[in-house]
Amino acid sequence: MSSGLEIRGIDKLMAHLKKCATLEDVKQVVRVNGAEMHQKTQRFAPVDTGALKRNIRLDIENQGMAAKVTSEAEYAPYQEYGTRYMAGTPHVRPAFRIQSAKFKNDMQRLVK
């Protein structure tokens, strides 16, 4: 008793993928969405002296396949999550929620 697996249409699938998106297209989507999240994070950051806003960084990593937005001020976690004495003022999480939906839509558009 033998069993087998046959895949049909792989040539059409590969042609469609080549036509639809290249790695450069994906890298462009990552760069644009990373920059937009960076701006949103800065916009949502609470401002007293402006140090927190100035210490929000954007790094493009993995040869352009990943974008990382970090809030590098020493007190950034306390602003984001709060302490037992004060409520937090989230700035990274709201920016991520908004931008992640846009990123998913942009990536889906590449493969359609």
PDB file of N, CA and C in Angstrom:
ATOM      1  N   MET A   1       0.851  -1.163   0.000  1.00  0.00           N
ATOM      2  CA  MET A   1       0.000   0.000   0.000  1.00  0.00           C
ATOM      3  C   MET A   1       0.904   1.235   0.000  1.00  0.00           C
ATOM      4  N   SER A   2       0.811   2.018  -1.028  1.00  0.00           N
ATOM      5  CA  SER A   2       1.633   3.224  -1.084  1.00  0.00           C
ATOM      6  C   SER A   2       0.718   4.439  -1.143  1.00  0.00           C
ATOM      7  N   SER A   3       1.232   5.508  -0.611  1.00  0.00           N
ATOM      8  CA  SER A   3       0.467   6.753  -0.655  1.00  0.00           C
ATOM      9  C   SER A   3       1.358   7.811  -1.292  1.00  0.00           C
ATOM     10  N   GLY A   4       0.749   8.791  -1.849  1.00  0.00           N
ATOM     11  CA  GLY A   4       1.517   9.832  -2.514  1.00  0.00           C
ATOM     12  C   GLY A   4       0.846  11.181  -2.365  1.00  0.00           C
ATOM     13  N   LEU A   5       1.610  12.173  -2.667  1.00  0.00           N
ATOM     14  CA  LEU A   5       1.113  13.538  -2.583  1.00  0.00           C
ATOM     15  C   LEU A   5       1.441  14.223  -3.900  1.00  0.00           C
ATOM     16  N   GLU A   6       0.451  14.817  -4.488  1.00  0.00           N
ATOM     17  CA  GLU A   6       0.660  15.518  -5.752  1.00  0.00           C
ATOM     18  C   GLU A   6       0.232  16.969  -5.573  1.00  0.00           C
ATOM     19  N   ILE A   7       1.114  17.863  -5.959  1.00  0.00           N
ATOM     20  CA  ILE A   7       0.823  19.296  -5.864  1.00  0.00           C
ATOM     21  C   ILE A   7       0.708  19.837  -7.272  1.00  0.00           C
ATOM     22  N   ARG A   8      -0.414  20.440  -7.561  1.00  0.00           N
ATOM     23  CA  ARG A   8      -0.649  21.014  -8.890  1.00  0.00           C
ATOM     24  C   ARG A   8      -0.723  22.532  -8.777  1.00  0.00           C
ATOM     25  N   GLY A   9      -0.228  23.172  -9.790  1.00  0.00           N
ATOM     26  CA  GLY A   9      -0.355  24.629  -9.841  1.00  0.00           C
ATOM     27  C   GLY A   9       0.769  25.382  -9.170  1.00  0.00           C
ATOM     28  N   ILE A  10       1.855  24.697  -8.786  1.00  0.00           N
ATOM     29  CA  ILE A  10       2.949  25.388  -8.109  1.00  0.00           C
ATOM     30  C   ILE A  10       3.601  26.428  -9.029  1.00  0.00           C
ATOM     31  N   ASP A  11       3.641  26.135 -10.328  1.00  0.00           N
ATOM     32  CA  ASP A  11       4.220  27.098 -11.274  1.00  0.00           C
ATOM     33  C   ASP A  11       3.398  28.382 -11.319  1.00  0.00           C
ATOM     34  N   LYS A  12       2.081  28.239 -11.307  1.00  0.00           N
ATOM     35  CA  LYS A  12       1.207  29.416 -11.313  1.00  0.00           C
ATOM     36  C   LYS A  12       1.371  30.216 -10.015  1.00  0.00           C
ATOM     37  N   LEU A  13       1.486  29.490  -8.892  1.00  0.00           N
ATOM     38  CA  LEU A  13       1.669  30.156  -7.609  1.00  0.00           C
ATOM     39  C   LEU A  13       2.974  30.944  -7.591  1.00  0.00           C
ATOM     40  N   MET A  14       4.057  30.334  -8.042  1.00  0.00           N
ATOM     41  CA  MET A  14       5.358  31.008  -8.057  1.00  0.00           C
ATOM     42  C   MET A  14       5.335  32.228  -8.978  1.00  0.00           C
ATOM     43  N   ALA A  15       4.684  32.095 -10.119  1.00  0.00           N
ATOM     44  CA  ALA A  15       4.585  33.233 -11.037  1.00  0.00           C
ATOM     45  C   ALA A  15       3.794  34.370 -10.400  1.00  0.00           C
ATOM     46  N   HIS A  16       2.723  34.017  -9.708  1.00  0.00           N
ATOM     47  CA  HIS A  16       1.898  35.029  -9.036  1.00  0.00           C
ATOM     48  C   HIS A  16       2.699  35.737  -7.947  1.00  0.00           C
ATOM     49  N   LEU A  17       3.435  34.976  -7.157  1.00  0.00           N
ATOM     50  CA  LEU A  17       4.228  35.581  -6.091  1.00  0.00           C
ATOM     51  C   LEU A  17       5.318  36.483  -6.656  1.00  0.00           C
ATOM     52  N   LYS A  18       5.964  36.055  -7.724  1.00  0.00           N
ATOM     53  CA  LYS A  18       7.000  36.883  -8.340  1.00  0.00           C
ATOM     54  C   LYS A  18       6.417  38.170  -8.902  1.00  0.00           C
ATOM     55  N   LYS A  19       5.232  38.068  -9.456  1.00  0.00           N
ATOM     56  CA  LYS A  19       4.576  39.237 -10.042  1.00  0.00           C
ATOM     57  C   LYS A  19       4.125  40.203  -8.947  1.00  0.00           C
ATOM     58  N   CYS A  20       3.650  39.664  -7.860  1.00  0.00           N
ATOM     59  CA  CYS A  20       3.029  40.497  -6.828  1.00  0.00           C
ATOM     60  C   CYS A  20       4.020  41.254  -5.968  1.00  0.00           C
ATOM     61  N   ALA A  21       4.999  40.575  -5.438  1.00  0.00           N
ATOM     62  CA  ALA A  21       5.844  41.249  -4.458  1.00  0.00           C
ATOM     63  C   ALA A  21       7.279  40.758  -4.543  1.00  0.00           C
ATOM     64  N   THR A  22       8.191  41.675  -4.318  1.00  0.00           N
ATOM     65  CA  THR A  22       9.596  41.322  -4.201  1.00  0.00           C
ATOM     66  C   THR A  22      10.025  41.600  -2.766  1.00  0.00           C
ATOM     67  N   LEU A  23      11.206  41.152  -2.425  1.00  0.00           N
ATOM     68  CA  LEU A  23      11.711  41.435  -1.081  1.00  0.00           C
ATOM     69  C   LEU A  23      11.891  42.931  -0.871  1.00  0.00           C
ATOM     70  N   GLU A  24      12.211  43.647  -1.923  1.00  0.00           N
ATOM     71  CA  GLU A  24      12.351  45.101  -1.803  1.00  0.00           C
ATOM     72  C   GLU A  24      11.005  45.745  -1.454  1.00  0.00           C
ATOM     73  N   ASP A  25       9.912  45.201  -1.987  1.00  0.00           N
ATOM     74  CA  ASP A  25       8.586  45.708  -1.640  1.00  0.00           C
ATOM     75  C   ASP A  25       8.307  45.490  -0.159  1.00  0.00           C
ATOM     76  N   VAL A  26       8.670  44.311   0.326  1.00  0.00           N
ATOM     77  CA  VAL A  26       8.463  43.992   1.746  1.00  0.00           C
ATOM     78  C   VAL A  26       9.309  44.921   2.610  1.00  0.00           C
ATOM     79  N   LYS A  27      10.558  45.123   2.225  1.00  0.00           N
ATOM     80  CA  LYS A  27      11.441  46.020   2.988  1.00  0.00           C
ATOM     81  C   LYS A  27      10.894  47.445   3.005  1.00  0.00           C
ATOM     82  N   GLN A  28      10.314  47.872   1.909  1.00  0.00           N
ATOM     83  CA  GLN A  28       9.722  49.211   1.847  1.00  0.00           C
ATOM     84  C   GLN A  28       8.551  49.323   2.812  1.00  0.00           C
ATOM     85  N   VAL A  29       7.699  48.301   2.860  1.00  0.00           N
ATOM     86  CA  VAL A  29       6.568  48.303   3.789  1.00  0.00           C
ATOM     87  C   VAL A  29       7.074  48.344   5.229  1.00  0.00           C
ATOM     88  N   VAL A  30       8.120  47.583   5.528  1.00  0.00           N
ATOM     89  CA  VAL A  30       8.689  47.573   6.879  1.00  0.00           C
ATOM     90  C   VAL A  30       9.233  48.952   7.231  1.00  0.00           C
ATOM     91  N   ARG A  31       9.981  49.563   6.305  1.00  0.00           N
ATOM     92  CA  ARG A  31      10.549  50.894   6.561  1.00  0.00           C
ATOM     93  C   ARG A  31       9.469  51.944   6.797  1.00  0.00           C
ATOM     94  N   VAL A  32       8.471  51.966   5.938  1.00  0.00           N
ATOM     95  CA  VAL A  32       7.409  52.974   6.042  1.00  0.00           C
ATOM     96  C   VAL A  32       6.628  52.796   7.338  1.00  0.00           C
ATOM     97  N   ASN A  33       6.250  51.560   7.643  1.00  0.00           N
ATOM     98  CA  ASN A  33       5.481  51.323   8.860  1.00  0.00           C
ATOM     99  C   ASN A  33       6.314  51.563  10.116  1.00  0.00           C
ATOM    100  N   GLY A  34       7.602  51.251  10.058  1.00  0.00           N
ATOM    101  CA  GLY A  34       8.483  51.549  11.183  1.00  0.00           C
ATOM    102  C   GLY A  34       8.576  53.044  11.440  1.00  0.00           C
ATOM    103  N   ALA A  35       8.728  53.809  10.365  1.00  0.00           N
ATOM    104  CA  ALA A  35       8.808  55.270  10.496  1.00  0.00           C
ATOM    105  C   ALA A  35       7.498  55.846  11.027  1.00  0.00           C
ATOM    106  N   GLU A  36       6.374  55.314  10.557  1.00  0.00           N
ATOM    107  CA  GLU A  36       5.076  55.806  11.044  1.00  0.00           C
ATOM    108  C   GLU A  36       4.878  55.463  12.518  1.00  0.00           C
ATOM    109  N   MET A  37       5.296  54.264  12.930  1.00  0.00           N
ATOM    110  CA  MET A  37       5.157  53.910  14.341  1.00  0.00           C
ATOM    111  C   MET A  37       6.067  54.785  15.196  1.00  0.00           C
ATOM    112  N   HIS A  38       7.253  55.079  14.710  1.00  0.00           N
ATOM    113  CA  HIS A  38       8.172  55.967  15.420  1.00  0.00           C
ATOM    114  C   HIS A  38       7.519  57.331  15.650  1.00  0.00           C
ATOM    115  N   GLN A  39       6.910  57.871  14.611  1.00  0.00           N
ATOM    116  CA  GLN A  39       6.238  59.168  14.736  1.00  0.00           C
ATOM    117  C   GLN A  39       5.067  59.107  15.707  1.00  0.00           C
ATOM    118  N   LYS A  40       4.275  58.049  15.612  1.00  0.00           N
ATOM    119  CA  LYS A  40       3.125  57.913  16.514  1.00  0.00           C
ATOM    120  C   LYS A  40       3.575  57.776  17.963  1.00  0.00           C
ATOM    121  N   THR A  41       4.632  56.999  18.195  1.00  0.00           N
ATOM    122  CA  THR A  41       5.134  56.821  19.552  1.00  0.00           C
ATOM    123  C   THR A  41       5.593  58.160  20.115  1.00  0.00           C
ATOM    124  N   GLN A  42       6.279  58.940  19.324  1.00  0.00           N
ATOM    125  CA  GLN A  42       6.698  60.266  19.775  1.00  0.00           C
ATOM    126  C   GLN A  42       5.499  61.175  20.027  1.00  0.00           C
ATOM    127  N   ARG A  43       4.492  61.072  19.172  1.00  0.00           N
ATOM    128  CA  ARG A  43       3.305  61.914  19.338  1.00  0.00           C
ATOM    129  C   ARG A  43       2.557  61.568  20.632  1.00  0.00           C
ATOM    130  N   PHE A  44       2.505  60.272  20.989  1.00  0.00           N
ATOM    131  CA  PHE A  44       1.779  59.841  22.183  1.00  0.00           C
ATOM    132  C   PHE A  44       2.589  60.002  23.471  1.00  0.00           C
ATOM    133  N   ALA A  45       3.889  60.253  23.356  1.00  0.00           N
ATOM    134  CA  ALA A  45       4.741  60.358  24.541  1.00  0.00           C
ATOM    135  C   ALA A  45       4.382  61.600  25.349  1.00  0.00           C
ATOM    136  N   PRO A  46       4.267  61.444  26.667  1.00  0.00           N
ATOM    137  CA  PRO A  46       4.011  62.619  27.505  1.00  0.00           C
ATOM    138  C   PRO A  46       5.238  63.538  27.480  1.00  0.00           C
ATOM    139  N   VAL A  47       4.987  64.842  27.479  1.00  0.00           N
ATOM    140  CA  VAL A  47       6.090  65.797  27.369  1.00  0.00           C
ATOM    141  C   VAL A  47       6.138  66.681  28.605  1.00  0.00           C
ATOM    142  N   ASP A  48       7.261  66.609  29.299  1.00  0.00           N
ATOM    143  CA  ASP A  48       7.554  67.530  30.387  1.00  0.00           C
ATOM    144  C   ASP A  48       8.786  68.320  29.965  1.00  0.00           C
ATOM    145  N   THR A  49       9.896  67.631  29.857  1.00  0.00           N
ATOM    146  CA  THR A  49      11.125  68.279  29.366  1.00  0.00           C
ATOM    147  C   THR A  49      11.397  67.925  27.909  1.00  0.00           C
ATOM    148  N   GLY A  50      10.734  66.910  27.384  1.00  0.00           N
ATOM    149  CA  GLY A  50      10.953  66.460  26.015  1.00  0.00           C
ATOM    150  C   GLY A  50      11.995  65.368  25.904  1.00  0.00           C
ATOM    151  N   ALA A  51      12.599  64.977  27.039  1.00  0.00           N
ATOM    152  CA  ALA A  51      13.650  63.949  27.012  1.00  0.00           C
ATOM    153  C   ALA A  51      13.105  62.600  26.551  1.00  0.00           C
ATOM    154  N   LEU A  52      11.923  62.230  27.013  1.00  0.00           N
ATOM    155  CA  LEU A  52      11.342  60.948  26.626  1.00  0.00           C
ATOM    156  C   LEU A  52      11.117  60.910  25.116  1.00  0.00           C
ATOM    157  N   LYS A  53      10.569  61.972  24.588  1.00  0.00           N
ATOM    158  CA  LYS A  53      10.286  62.061  23.153  1.00  0.00           C
ATOM    159  C   LYS A  53      11.568  61.975  22.330  1.00  0.00           C
ATOM    160  N   ARG A  54      12.625  62.637  22.790  1.00  0.00           N
ATOM    161  CA  ARG A  54      13.905  62.626  22.066  1.00  0.00           C
ATOM    162  C   ARG A  54      14.596  61.269  22.132  1.00  0.00           C
ATOM    163  N   ASN A  55      14.281  60.462  23.134  1.00  0.00           N
ATOM    164  CA  ASN A  55      14.937  59.170  23.305  1.00  0.00           C
ATOM    165  C   ASN A  55      14.169  58.006  22.700  1.00  0.00           C
ATOM    166  N   ILE A  56      13.214  58.285  21.856  1.00  0.00           N
ATOM    167  CA  ILE A  56      12.506  57.224  21.130  1.00  0.00           C
ATOM    168  C   ILE A  56      13.261  57.010  19.822  1.00  0.00           C
ATOM    169  N   ARG A  57      13.698  55.766  19.603  1.00  0.00           N
ATOM    170  CA  ARG A  57      14.559  55.445  18.471  1.00  0.00           C
ATOM    171  C   ARG A  57      13.908  54.443  17.527  1.00  0.00           C
ATOM    172  N   LEU A  58      14.278  54.546  16.256  1.00  0.00           N
ATOM    173  CA  LEU A  58      13.867  53.589  15.229  1.00  0.00           C
ATOM    174  C   LEU A  58      15.122  52.923  14.692  1.00  0.00           C
ATOM    175  N   ASP A  59      15.144  51.584  14.724  1.00  0.00           N
ATOM    176  CA  ASP A  59      16.242  50.818  14.152  1.00  0.00           C
ATOM    177  C   ASP A  59      15.664  49.863  13.115  1.00  0.00           C
ATOM    178  N   ILE A  60      16.253  49.852  11.932  1.00  0.00           N
ATOM    179  CA  ILE A  60      15.885  48.889  10.891  1.00  0.00           C
ATOM    180  C   ILE A  60      16.907  47.761  10.983  1.00  0.00           C
ATOM    181  N   GLU A  61      16.426  46.525  11.176  1.00  0.00           N
ATOM    182  CA  GLU A  61      17.305  45.381  11.411  1.00  0.00           C
ATOM    183  C   GLU A  61      17.031  44.266  10.409  1.00  0.00           C
ATOM    184  N   ASN A  62      17.830  43.201  10.488  1.00  0.00           N
ATOM    185  CA  ASN A  62      17.684  42.016   9.631  1.00  0.00           C
ATOM    186  C   ASN A  62      17.658  42.380   8.148  1.00  0.00           C
ATOM    187  N   GLN A  63      18.622  43.169   7.723  1.00  0.00           N
ATOM    188  CA  GLN A  63      18.734  43.617   6.329  1.00  0.00           C
ATOM    189  C   GLN A  63      17.442  44.258   5.827  1.00  0.00           C
ATOM    190  N   GLY A  64      16.778  45.013   6.690  1.00  0.00           N
ATOM    191  CA  GLY A  64      15.578  45.728   6.293  1.00  0.00           C
ATOM    192  C   GLY A  64      14.280  44.974   6.489  1.00  0.00           C
ATOM    193  N   MET A  65      14.345  43.785   7.062  1.00  0.00           N
ATOM    194  CA  MET A  65      13.141  42.970   7.229  1.00  0.00           C
ATOM    195  C   MET A  65      12.464  43.188   8.583  1.00  0.00           C
ATOM    196  N   ALA A  66      13.043  44.008   9.452  1.00  0.00           N
ATOM    197  CA  ALA A  66      12.450  44.266  10.763  1.00  0.00           C
ATOM    198  C   ALA A  66      12.699  45.713  11.160  1.00  0.00           C
ATOM    199  N   ALA A  67      11.710  46.296  11.799  1.00  0.00           N
ATOM    200  CA  ALA A  67      11.839  47.648  12.334  1.00  0.00           C
ATOM    201  C   ALA A  67      11.594  47.568  13.835  1.00  0.00           C
ATOM    202  N   LYS A  68      12.436  48.235  14.611  1.00  0.00           N
ATOM    203  CA  LYS A  68      12.301  48.197  16.065  1.00  0.00           C
ATOM    204  C   LYS A  68      12.237  49.622  16.594  1.00  0.00           C
ATOM    205  N   VAL A  69      11.159  49.942  17.284  1.00  0.00           N
ATOM    206  CA  VAL A  69      11.001  51.250  17.910  1.00  0.00           C
ATOM    207  C   VAL A  69      11.178  51.049  19.407  1.00  0.00           C
ATOM    208  N   THR A  70      12.123  51.769  19.979  1.00  0.00           N
ATOM    209  CA  THR A  70      12.387  51.641  21.418  1.00  0.00           C
ATOM    210  C   THR A  70      12.344  53.001  22.078  1.00  0.00           C
ATOM    211  N   SER A  71      11.900  52.990  23.308  1.00  0.00           N
ATOM    212  CA  SER A  71      11.894  54.185  24.133  1.00  0.00           C
ATOM    213  C   SER A  71      13.045  54.015  25.118  1.00  0.00           C
ATOM    214  N   GLU A  72      14.166  54.696  24.869  1.00  0.00           N
ATOM    215  CA  GLU A  72      15.410  54.431  25.588  1.00  0.00           C
ATOM    216  C   GLU A  72      15.627  55.265  26.844  1.00  0.00           C
ATOM    217  N   ALA A  73      14.736  56.161  27.174  1.00  0.00           N
ATOM    218  CA  ALA A  73      14.896  56.926  28.404  1.00  0.00           C
ATOM    219  C   ALA A  73      14.817  55.960  29.583  1.00  0.00           C
ATOM    220  N   GLU A  74      15.611  56.208  30.583  1.00  0.00           N
ATOM    221  CA  GLU A  74      15.683  55.316  31.749  1.00  0.00           C
ATOM    222  C   GLU A  74      14.318  55.128  32.414  1.00  0.00           C
ATOM    223  N   TYR A  75      13.508  56.145  32.394  1.00  0.00           N
ATOM    224  CA  TYR A  75      12.210  56.101  33.063  1.00  0.00           C
ATOM    225  C   TYR A  75      11.053  55.739  32.129  1.00  0.00           C
ATOM    226  N   ALA A  76      11.345  55.367  30.895  1.00  0.00           N
ATOM    227  CA  ALA A  76      10.301  55.051  29.917  1.00  0.00           C
ATOM    228  C   ALA A  76       9.337  53.956  30.389  1.00  0.00           C
ATOM    229  N   PRO A  77       9.821  52.864  31.007  1.00  0.00           N
ATOM    230  CA  PRO A  77       8.868  51.836  31.469  1.00  0.00           C
ATOM    231  C   PRO A  77       7.885  52.365  32.516  1.00  0.00           C
ATOM    232  N   TYR A  78       8.355  53.280  33.359  1.00  0.00           N
ATOM    233  CA  TYR A  78       7.464  53.848  34.380  1.00  0.00           C
ATOM    234  C   TYR A  78       6.385  54.711  33.734  1.00  0.00           C
ATOM    235  N   GLN A  79       6.764  55.432  32.665  1.00  0.00           N
ATOM    236  CA  GLN A  79       5.766  56.229  31.947  1.00  0.00           C
ATOM    237  C   GLN A  79       4.771  55.318  31.235  1.00  0.00           C
ATOM    238  N   GLU A  80       5.268  54.241  30.653  1.00  0.00           N
ATOM    239  CA  GLU A  80       4.414  53.342  29.883  1.00  0.00           C
ATOM    240  C   GLU A  80       3.441  52.575  30.777  1.00  0.00           C
ATOM    241  N   TYR A  81       3.942  52.030  31.883  1.00  0.00           N
ATOM    242  CA  TYR A  81       3.130  51.135  32.723  1.00  0.00           C
ATOM    243  C   TYR A  81       2.698  51.733  34.052  1.00  0.00           C
ATOM    244  N   GLY A  82       3.342  52.806  34.481  1.00  0.00           N
ATOM    245  CA  GLY A  82       3.011  53.403  35.757  1.00  0.00           C
ATOM    246  C   GLY A  82       3.760  52.735  36.901  1.00  0.00           C
ATOM    247  N   THR A  83       3.510  53.234  38.098  1.00  0.00           N
ATOM    248  CA  THR A  83       4.088  52.660  39.313  1.00  0.00           C
ATOM    249  C   THR A  83       2.956  52.523  40.322  1.00  0.00           C
ATOM    250  N   ARG A  84       3.284  52.110  41.504  1.00  0.00           N
ATOM    251  CA  ARG A  84       2.216  52.028  42.506  1.00  0.00           C
ATOM    252  C   ARG A  84       1.772  53.423  42.961  1.00  0.00           C
ATOM    253  N   TYR A  85       2.558  54.446  42.626  1.00  0.00           N
ATOM    254  CA  TYR A  85       2.226  55.812  43.028  1.00  0.00           C
ATOM    255  C   TYR A  85       1.606  56.647  41.906  1.00  0.00           C
ATOM    256  N   MET A  86       1.733  56.189  40.678  1.00  0.00           N
ATOM    257  CA  MET A  86       1.192  56.978  39.572  1.00  0.00           C
ATOM    258  C   MET A  86       0.693  56.054  38.470  1.00  0.00           C
ATOM    259  N   ALA A  87      -0.294  56.524  37.767  1.00  0.00           N
ATOM    260  CA  ALA A  87      -0.812  55.780  36.620  1.00  0.00           C
ATOM    261  C   ALA A  87       0.142  55.959  35.436  1.00  0.00           C
ATOM    262  N   GLY A  88       0.174  54.983  34.585  1.00  0.00           N
ATOM    263  CA  GLY A  88       1.028  55.079  33.408  1.00  0.00           C
ATOM    264  C   GLY A  88       0.418  55.983  32.346  1.00  0.00           C
ATOM    265  N   THR A  89       1.265  56.452  31.465  1.00  0.00           N
ATOM    266  CA  THR A  89       0.851  57.207  30.293  1.00  0.00           C
ATOM    267  C   THR A  89       1.394  56.462  29.079  1.00  0.00           C
ATOM    268  N   PRO A  90       0.675  55.436  28.629  1.00  0.00           N
ATOM    269  CA  PRO A  90       1.194  54.612  27.531  1.00  0.00           C
ATOM    270  C   PRO A  90       1.446  55.429  26.270  1.00  0.00           C
ATOM    271  N   HIS A  91       2.575  55.149  25.644  1.00  0.00           N
ATOM    272  CA  HIS A  91       2.885  55.798  24.380  1.00  0.00           C
ATOM    273  C   HIS A  91       3.346  54.774  23.339  1.00  0.00           C
ATOM    274  N   VAL A  92       3.941  53.682  23.762  1.00  0.00           N
ATOM    275  CA  VAL A  92       4.387  52.657  22.818  1.00  0.00           C
ATOM    276  C   VAL A  92       3.231  51.735  22.433  1.00  0.00           C
ATOM    277  N   ARG A  93       2.484  51.259  23.427  1.00  0.00           N
ATOM    278  CA  ARG A  93       1.399  50.307  23.148  1.00  0.00           C
ATOM    279  C   ARG A  93       0.311  50.868  22.242  1.00  0.00           C
ATOM    280  N   PRO A  94      -0.163  52.114  22.461  1.00  0.00           N
ATOM    281  CA  PRO A  94      -1.186  52.633  21.537  1.00  0.00           C
ATOM    282  C   PRO A  94      -0.663  52.785  20.106  1.00  0.00           C
ATOM    283  N   ALA A  95       0.587  53.211  19.973  1.00  0.00           N
ATOM    284  CA  ALA A  95       1.177  53.348  18.638  1.00  0.00           C
ATOM    285  C   ALA A  95       1.275  51.977  17.966  1.00  0.00           C
ATOM    286  N   PHE A  96       1.662  50.957  18.738  1.00  0.00           N
ATOM    287  CA  PHE A  96       1.766  49.608  18.183  1.00  0.00           C
ATOM    288  C   PHE A  96       0.406  49.086  17.738  1.00  0.00           C
ATOM    289  N   ARG A  97      -0.616  49.280  18.555  1.00  0.00           N
ATOM    290  CA  ARG A  97      -1.962  48.792  18.196  1.00  0.00           C
ATOM    291  C   ARG A  97      -2.432  49.395  16.871  1.00  0.00           C
ATOM    292  N   ILE A  98      -2.248  50.672  16.724  1.00  0.00           N
ATOM    293  CA  ILE A  98      -2.681  51.356  15.494  1.00  0.00           C
ATOM    294  C   ILE A  98      -1.851  50.893  14.302  1.00  0.00           C
ATOM    295  N   GLN A  99      -0.533  50.889  14.471  1.00  0.00           N
ATOM    296  CA  GLN A  99       0.354  50.597  13.342  1.00  0.00           C
ATOM    297  C   GLN A  99       0.320  49.136  12.934  1.00  0.00           C
ATOM    298  N   SER A 100       0.108  48.221  13.875  1.00  0.00           N
ATOM    299  CA  SER A 100       0.107  46.802  13.508  1.00  0.00           C
ATOM    300  C   SER A 100      -1.032  46.474  12.545  1.00  0.00           C
ATOM    301  N   ALA A 101      -2.175  47.095  12.714  1.00  0.00           N
ATOM    302  CA  ALA A 101      -3.292  46.867  11.791  1.00  0.00           C
ATOM    303  C   ALA A 101      -2.940  47.373  10.392  1.00  0.00           C
ATOM    304  N   LYS A 102      -2.324  48.545  10.323  1.00  0.00           N
ATOM    305  CA  LYS A 102      -1.925  49.102   9.025  1.00  0.00           C
ATOM    306  C   LYS A 102      -0.853  48.232   8.376  1.00  0.00           C
ATOM    307  N   PHE A 103       0.094  47.746   9.169  1.00  0.00           N
ATOM    308  CA  PHE A 103       1.158  46.890   8.642  1.00  0.00           C
ATOM    309  C   PHE A 103       0.578  45.610   8.045  1.00  0.00           C
ATOM    310  N   LYS A 104      -0.358  44.995   8.738  1.00  0.00           N
ATOM    311  CA  LYS A 104      -0.989  43.768   8.228  1.00  0.00           C
ATOM    312  C   LYS A 104      -1.695  44.037   6.901  1.00  0.00           C
ATOM    313  N   ASN A 105      -2.404  45.137   6.816  1.00  0.00           N
ATOM    314  CA  ASN A 105      -3.096  45.490   5.566  1.00  0.00           C
ATOM    315  C   ASN A 105      -2.104  45.728   4.427  1.00  0.00           C
ATOM    316  N   ASP A 106      -1.024  46.427   4.720  1.00  0.00           N
ATOM    317  CA  ASP A 106      -0.016  46.702   3.697  1.00  0.00           C
ATOM    318  C   ASP A 106       0.624  45.405   3.198  1.00  0.00           C
ATOM    319  N   MET A 107       0.900  44.475   4.099  1.00  0.00           N
ATOM    320  CA  MET A 107       1.508  43.207   3.693  1.00  0.00           C
ATOM    321  C   MET A 107       0.504  42.363   2.894  1.00  0.00           C
ATOM    322  N   GLN A 108      -0.744  42.385   3.272  1.00  0.00           N
ATOM    323  CA  GLN A 108      -1.757  41.627   2.523  1.00  0.00           C
ATOM    324  C   GLN A 108      -1.912  42.172   1.104  1.00  0.00           C
ATOM    325  N   ARG A 109      -1.792  43.482   0.964  1.00  0.00           N
ATOM    326  CA  ARG A 109      -1.889  44.099  -0.366  1.00  0.00           C
ATOM    327  C   ARG A 109      -0.757  43.632  -1.279  1.00  0.00           C
ATOM    328  N   LEU A 110       0.383  43.323  -0.707  1.00  0.00           N
ATOM    329  CA  LEU A 110       1.514  42.868  -1.522  1.00  0.00           C
ATOM    330  C   LEU A 110       1.263  41.512  -2.175  1.00  0.00           C
ATOM    331  N   VAL A 111       0.503  40.660  -1.518  1.00  0.00           N
ATOM    332  CA  VAL A 111       0.305  39.309  -2.058  1.00  0.00           C
ATOM    333  C   VAL A 111      -0.993  39.151  -2.830  1.00  0.00           C
ATOM    334  N   LYS A 112      -1.763  40.193  -2.958  1.00  0.00           N
ATOM    335  CA  LYS A 112      -3.006  40.113  -3.721  1.00  0.00           C
ATOM    336  C   LYS A 112      -2.811  40.604  -5.123  1.00  0.00           C
TER     337      LYS A 112
END
